[in-house]
Structure formats: C-alpha cells, structure tokens
C-alpha cells in the first residue's frame, strides 16, 4: 500500500510545486494608447528642439528655424494616431 501511495504523492507534489497554476500571463502585453501618445509627443518635441538648435547654429532666424523644423518633422515622420487623440 505504501509503495503505491509514495509515487502518487511524489507526482502530486511535483505537479503543484512547479509554479502557480492560476496566475499565468496571457499572450502579448497590450499597448496603452495613452503611453504611446505621450512617447510620440515627447519624441516630436525633442526632435523639433534639436533640429531648431541645429538650424539656429547655422544662422537661421529662430522663428524660421522653428517653422522649418516642424515642417521637416512632418515630412520625415508619420504618426499612427490621429492628432486629436
């Protein structure tokens, strides 16, 4: 009797000690649109600031440099989200 019970107990112990059975993660993580939007806005702002500084260093007036950098950003990068989100 004990010879039959011992392997069964060992198998059950291994099964239940191999990790939590009910807290497995599901598939791929979902992307938060708010976080993605904040990252896009941050990237756009930093890129335009950097490009504006480069243009000003080349003796372009500040207002013209800002306008040109914004236009270049729109030509070079395309965002996936709508502008009003």
N, C-alpha and C. Protein backbone atom coordinates (compact mmCIF):
# COMPACT_ATOMS: atom_id res chain seq x y z
N UNK A 1 0.82 -1.20 0.00
CA UNK A 1 0.00 0.00 0.00
C UNK A 1 0.87 1.27 0.00
N UNK A 2 1.87 1.31 0.85
CA UNK A 2 2.74 2.48 0.94
C UNK A 2 3.56 2.62 -0.34
N UNK A 3 3.92 1.50 -0.97
CA UNK A 3 4.69 1.56 -2.21
C UNK A 3 3.88 2.20 -3.33
N UNK A 4 2.57 2.07 -3.34
CA UNK A 4 1.71 2.71 -4.34
C UNK A 4 1.45 4.16 -3.99
N UNK A 5 1.29 4.44 -2.74
CA UNK A 5 0.95 5.79 -2.28
C UNK A 5 2.13 6.75 -2.43
N UNK A 6 3.32 6.28 -2.18
CA UNK A 6 4.50 7.14 -2.24
C UNK A 6 4.74 7.74 -3.63
N UNK A 7 4.74 6.96 -4.72
CA UNK A 7 4.93 7.58 -6.04
C UNK A 7 3.80 8.55 -6.40
N UNK A 8 2.59 8.23 -6.01
CA UNK A 8 1.47 9.14 -6.29
C UNK A 8 1.65 10.46 -5.56
N UNK A 9 2.07 10.41 -4.33
CA UNK A 9 2.30 11.64 -3.56
C UNK A 9 3.46 12.45 -4.16
N UNK A 10 4.51 11.76 -4.60
CA UNK A 10 5.64 12.46 -5.21
C UNK A 10 5.22 13.15 -6.51
N UNK A 11 4.42 12.48 -7.31
CA UNK A 11 3.96 13.08 -8.57
C UNK A 11 3.08 14.29 -8.29
N UNK A 12 2.16 14.19 -7.34
CA UNK A 12 1.31 15.32 -7.00
C UNK A 12 2.12 16.48 -6.43
N UNK A 13 3.12 16.17 -5.62
CA UNK A 13 3.97 17.22 -5.05
C UNK A 13 4.73 17.95 -6.16
N UNK A 14 5.28 17.22 -7.10
CA UNK A 14 5.99 17.85 -8.22
C UNK A 14 5.04 18.70 -9.08
N UNK A 15 3.85 18.22 -9.30
CA UNK A 15 2.89 18.95 -10.11
C UNK A 15 2.51 20.28 -9.48
N UNK A 16 2.23 20.27 -8.18
CA UNK A 16 1.79 21.50 -7.52
C UNK A 16 2.93 22.43 -7.12
N UNK A 17 4.15 21.93 -7.05
CA UNK A 17 5.26 22.79 -6.65
C UNK A 17 6.00 23.39 -7.85
N UNK A 18 5.54 23.11 -9.05
CA UNK A 18 6.24 23.60 -10.24
C UNK A 18 5.91 25.05 -10.57
N UNK A 19 5.07 25.69 -9.81
CA UNK A 19 4.71 27.08 -10.05
C UNK A 19 3.23 27.28 -9.83
N UNK A 20 2.84 28.50 -9.80
CA UNK A 20 1.43 28.81 -9.58
C UNK A 20 0.64 28.49 -10.85
N UNK A 21 -0.39 27.69 -10.70
CA UNK A 21 -1.15 27.25 -11.87
C UNK A 21 -2.16 28.28 -12.35
N UNK A 22 -2.55 29.21 -11.49
CA UNK A 22 -3.65 30.11 -11.82
C UNK A 22 -3.23 31.53 -12.14
N UNK A 23 -1.95 31.84 -12.11
CA UNK A 23 -1.52 33.21 -12.37
C UNK A 23 -0.65 33.32 -13.61
N UNK A 24 -0.88 32.50 -14.58
CA UNK A 24 -0.10 32.58 -15.82
C UNK A 24 -0.50 33.82 -16.61
N UNK A 25 0.49 34.46 -17.23
CA UNK A 25 0.23 35.66 -18.03
C UNK A 25 -0.37 35.27 -19.37
N UNK A 26 -1.22 36.13 -19.87
CA UNK A 26 -1.83 35.87 -21.16
C UNK A 26 -1.01 36.50 -22.27
N UNK A 27 -0.88 35.83 -23.37
CA UNK A 27 -0.28 36.30 -24.61
C UNK A 27 0.62 37.51 -24.55
N UNK A 28 0.49 38.37 -25.52
CA UNK A 28 1.33 39.55 -25.62
C UNK A 28 0.74 40.70 -24.79
N UNK A 29 1.60 41.56 -24.26
CA UNK A 29 1.09 42.69 -23.48
C UNK A 29 0.36 43.68 -24.38
N UNK A 30 -0.68 44.28 -23.84
CA UNK A 30 -1.43 45.27 -24.60
C UNK A 30 -0.77 46.63 -24.50
N UNK A 31 -0.74 47.35 -25.60
CA UNK A 31 -0.12 48.67 -25.62
C UNK A 31 -1.12 49.71 -25.14
N UNK A 32 -0.68 50.53 -24.25
CA UNK A 32 -1.53 51.60 -23.75
C UNK A 32 -1.44 52.77 -24.73
N UNK A 33 -2.59 53.18 -25.26
CA UNK A 33 -2.58 54.27 -26.24
C UNK A 33 -2.16 55.59 -25.60
N UNK A 34 -2.42 55.75 -24.31
CA UNK A 34 -2.02 56.98 -23.63
C UNK A 34 -0.50 57.05 -23.53
N UNK A 35 0.14 55.94 -23.18
CA UNK A 35 1.59 55.92 -23.08
C UNK A 35 2.21 56.13 -24.46
N UNK A 36 1.66 55.48 -25.47
CA UNK A 36 2.19 55.65 -26.83
C UNK A 36 2.05 57.10 -27.28
N UNK A 37 0.94 57.73 -26.96
CA UNK A 37 0.74 59.13 -27.33
C UNK A 37 1.72 60.05 -26.64
N UNK A 38 1.97 59.78 -25.36
CA UNK A 38 2.94 60.60 -24.62
C UNK A 38 4.34 60.43 -25.19
N UNK A 39 4.69 59.21 -25.58
CA UNK A 39 6.01 58.97 -26.17
C UNK A 39 6.14 59.68 -27.51
N UNK A 40 5.11 59.64 -28.32
CA UNK A 40 5.15 60.32 -29.62
C UNK A 40 5.28 61.82 -29.44
N UNK A 41 4.53 62.38 -28.50
CA UNK A 41 4.60 63.82 -28.25
C UNK A 41 5.99 64.21 -27.75
N UNK A 42 6.54 63.40 -26.86
CA UNK A 42 7.87 63.68 -26.33
C UNK A 42 8.93 63.61 -27.43
N UNK A 43 8.83 62.58 -28.27
CA UNK A 43 9.78 62.44 -29.37
C UNK A 43 9.69 63.63 -30.33
N UNK A 44 8.46 64.02 -30.67
CA UNK A 44 8.26 65.13 -31.59
C UNK A 44 8.85 66.42 -31.02
N UNK A 45 8.55 66.70 -29.76
CA UNK A 45 9.05 67.92 -29.12
C UNK A 45 10.58 67.94 -29.09
N UNK A 46 11.19 66.82 -28.66
CA UNK A 46 12.66 66.77 -28.56
C UNK A 46 13.32 66.87 -29.94
N UNK A 47 12.73 66.21 -30.96
CA UNK A 47 13.31 66.24 -32.30
C UNK A 47 13.26 67.66 -32.86
N UNK A 48 12.13 68.32 -32.69
CA UNK A 48 11.99 69.68 -33.21
C UNK A 48 12.93 70.63 -32.48
N UNK A 49 13.07 70.48 -31.15
CA UNK A 49 14.00 71.33 -30.40
C UNK A 49 15.43 71.14 -30.90
N UNK A 50 15.83 69.89 -31.12
CA UNK A 50 17.18 69.61 -31.58
C UNK A 50 17.41 70.18 -32.97
N UNK A 51 16.47 69.96 -33.86
CA UNK A 51 16.62 70.46 -35.24
C UNK A 51 16.61 71.98 -35.28
N UNK A 52 15.77 72.60 -34.44
CA UNK A 52 15.74 74.06 -34.36
C UNK A 52 17.10 74.59 -33.91
N UNK A 53 17.68 73.93 -32.91
CA UNK A 53 19.00 74.36 -32.42
C UNK A 53 20.06 74.22 -33.52
N UNK A 54 19.99 73.15 -34.31
CA UNK A 54 20.94 72.98 -35.42
C UNK A 54 20.79 74.10 -36.45
N UNK A 55 19.54 74.44 -36.77
CA UNK A 55 19.30 75.49 -37.76
C UNK A 55 19.75 76.85 -37.24
N UNK A 56 19.50 77.12 -35.97
CA UNK A 56 19.93 78.40 -35.37
C UNK A 56 21.46 78.48 -35.38
N UNK A 57 22.12 77.35 -35.14
CA UNK A 57 23.59 77.33 -35.18
C UNK A 57 24.11 77.63 -36.58
N UNK A 58 23.27 77.38 -37.59
CA UNK A 58 23.64 77.69 -38.97
C UNK A 58 23.18 79.10 -39.37
N UNK A 59 22.85 79.92 -38.38
CA UNK A 59 22.46 81.33 -38.54
C UNK A 59 21.10 81.53 -39.19
N UNK A 60 20.18 80.59 -38.97
CA UNK A 60 18.80 80.77 -39.41
C UNK A 60 18.06 81.48 -38.29
N UNK A 61 17.23 82.48 -38.57
CA UNK A 61 16.47 83.14 -37.51
C UNK A 61 15.61 82.12 -36.74
N UNK A 62 15.43 82.37 -35.44
CA UNK A 62 14.76 81.41 -34.56
C UNK A 62 13.35 81.05 -35.02
N UNK A 63 12.56 82.05 -35.41
CA UNK A 63 11.19 81.77 -35.86
C UNK A 63 11.18 80.91 -37.12
N UNK A 64 12.04 81.24 -38.06
CA UNK A 64 12.13 80.47 -39.30
C UNK A 64 12.64 79.05 -39.02
N UNK A 65 13.58 78.95 -38.09
CA UNK A 65 14.14 77.64 -37.75
C UNK A 65 13.07 76.73 -37.14
N UNK A 66 12.25 77.31 -36.25
CA UNK A 66 11.16 76.54 -35.61
C UNK A 66 10.17 76.05 -36.66
N UNK A 67 9.78 76.95 -37.57
CA UNK A 67 8.84 76.59 -38.62
C UNK A 67 9.41 75.52 -39.55
N UNK A 68 10.66 75.69 -39.92
CA UNK A 68 11.30 74.73 -40.81
C UNK A 68 11.45 73.37 -40.13
N UNK A 69 11.82 73.35 -38.85
CA UNK A 69 11.98 72.09 -38.13
C UNK A 69 10.64 71.36 -38.02
N UNK A 70 9.57 72.08 -37.76
CA UNK A 70 8.24 71.47 -37.67
C UNK A 70 7.83 70.89 -39.02
N UNK A 71 8.09 71.62 -40.08
CA UNK A 71 7.76 71.14 -41.42
C UNK A 71 8.58 69.90 -41.77
N UNK A 72 9.88 69.92 -41.46
CA UNK A 72 10.73 68.77 -41.74
C UNK A 72 10.29 67.54 -40.95
N UNK A 73 9.87 67.76 -39.71
CA UNK A 73 9.39 66.64 -38.90
C UNK A 73 8.17 66.00 -39.56
N UNK A 74 7.23 66.82 -40.01
CA UNK A 74 6.04 66.30 -40.66
C UNK A 74 6.35 65.53 -41.93
N UNK A 75 7.38 65.96 -42.65
CA UNK A 75 7.76 65.27 -43.88
C UNK A 75 8.49 63.96 -43.59
N UNK A 76 9.28 63.96 -42.54
CA UNK A 76 10.15 62.82 -42.26
C UNK A 76 9.44 61.71 -41.48
N UNK A 77 8.58 62.06 -40.55
CA UNK A 77 7.95 61.07 -39.68
C UNK A 77 6.44 61.11 -39.86
N UNK A 78 5.83 59.94 -39.80
CA UNK A 78 4.37 59.84 -39.91
C UNK A 78 3.86 59.13 -38.65
N UNK A 79 2.93 59.78 -37.96
CA UNK A 79 2.39 59.18 -36.76
C UNK A 79 1.21 58.29 -37.09
N UNK A 80 1.02 57.25 -36.27
CA UNK A 80 -0.07 56.30 -36.49
C UNK A 80 -1.37 56.75 -35.87
N UNK A 81 -1.33 57.65 -34.94
CA UNK A 81 -2.56 58.06 -34.26
C UNK A 81 -3.06 59.37 -34.82
N UNK A 82 -4.34 59.61 -34.61
CA UNK A 82 -4.95 60.86 -35.09
C UNK A 82 -4.45 62.01 -34.22
N UNK A 83 -4.34 63.23 -34.76
CA UNK A 83 -3.80 64.35 -33.99
C UNK A 83 -4.68 64.79 -32.82
N UNK A 84 -5.98 64.47 -32.81
CA UNK A 84 -6.86 64.92 -31.73
C UNK A 84 -6.96 63.93 -30.58
N UNK A 85 -6.20 62.86 -30.60
CA UNK A 85 -6.30 61.88 -29.52
C UNK A 85 -5.39 62.24 -28.38
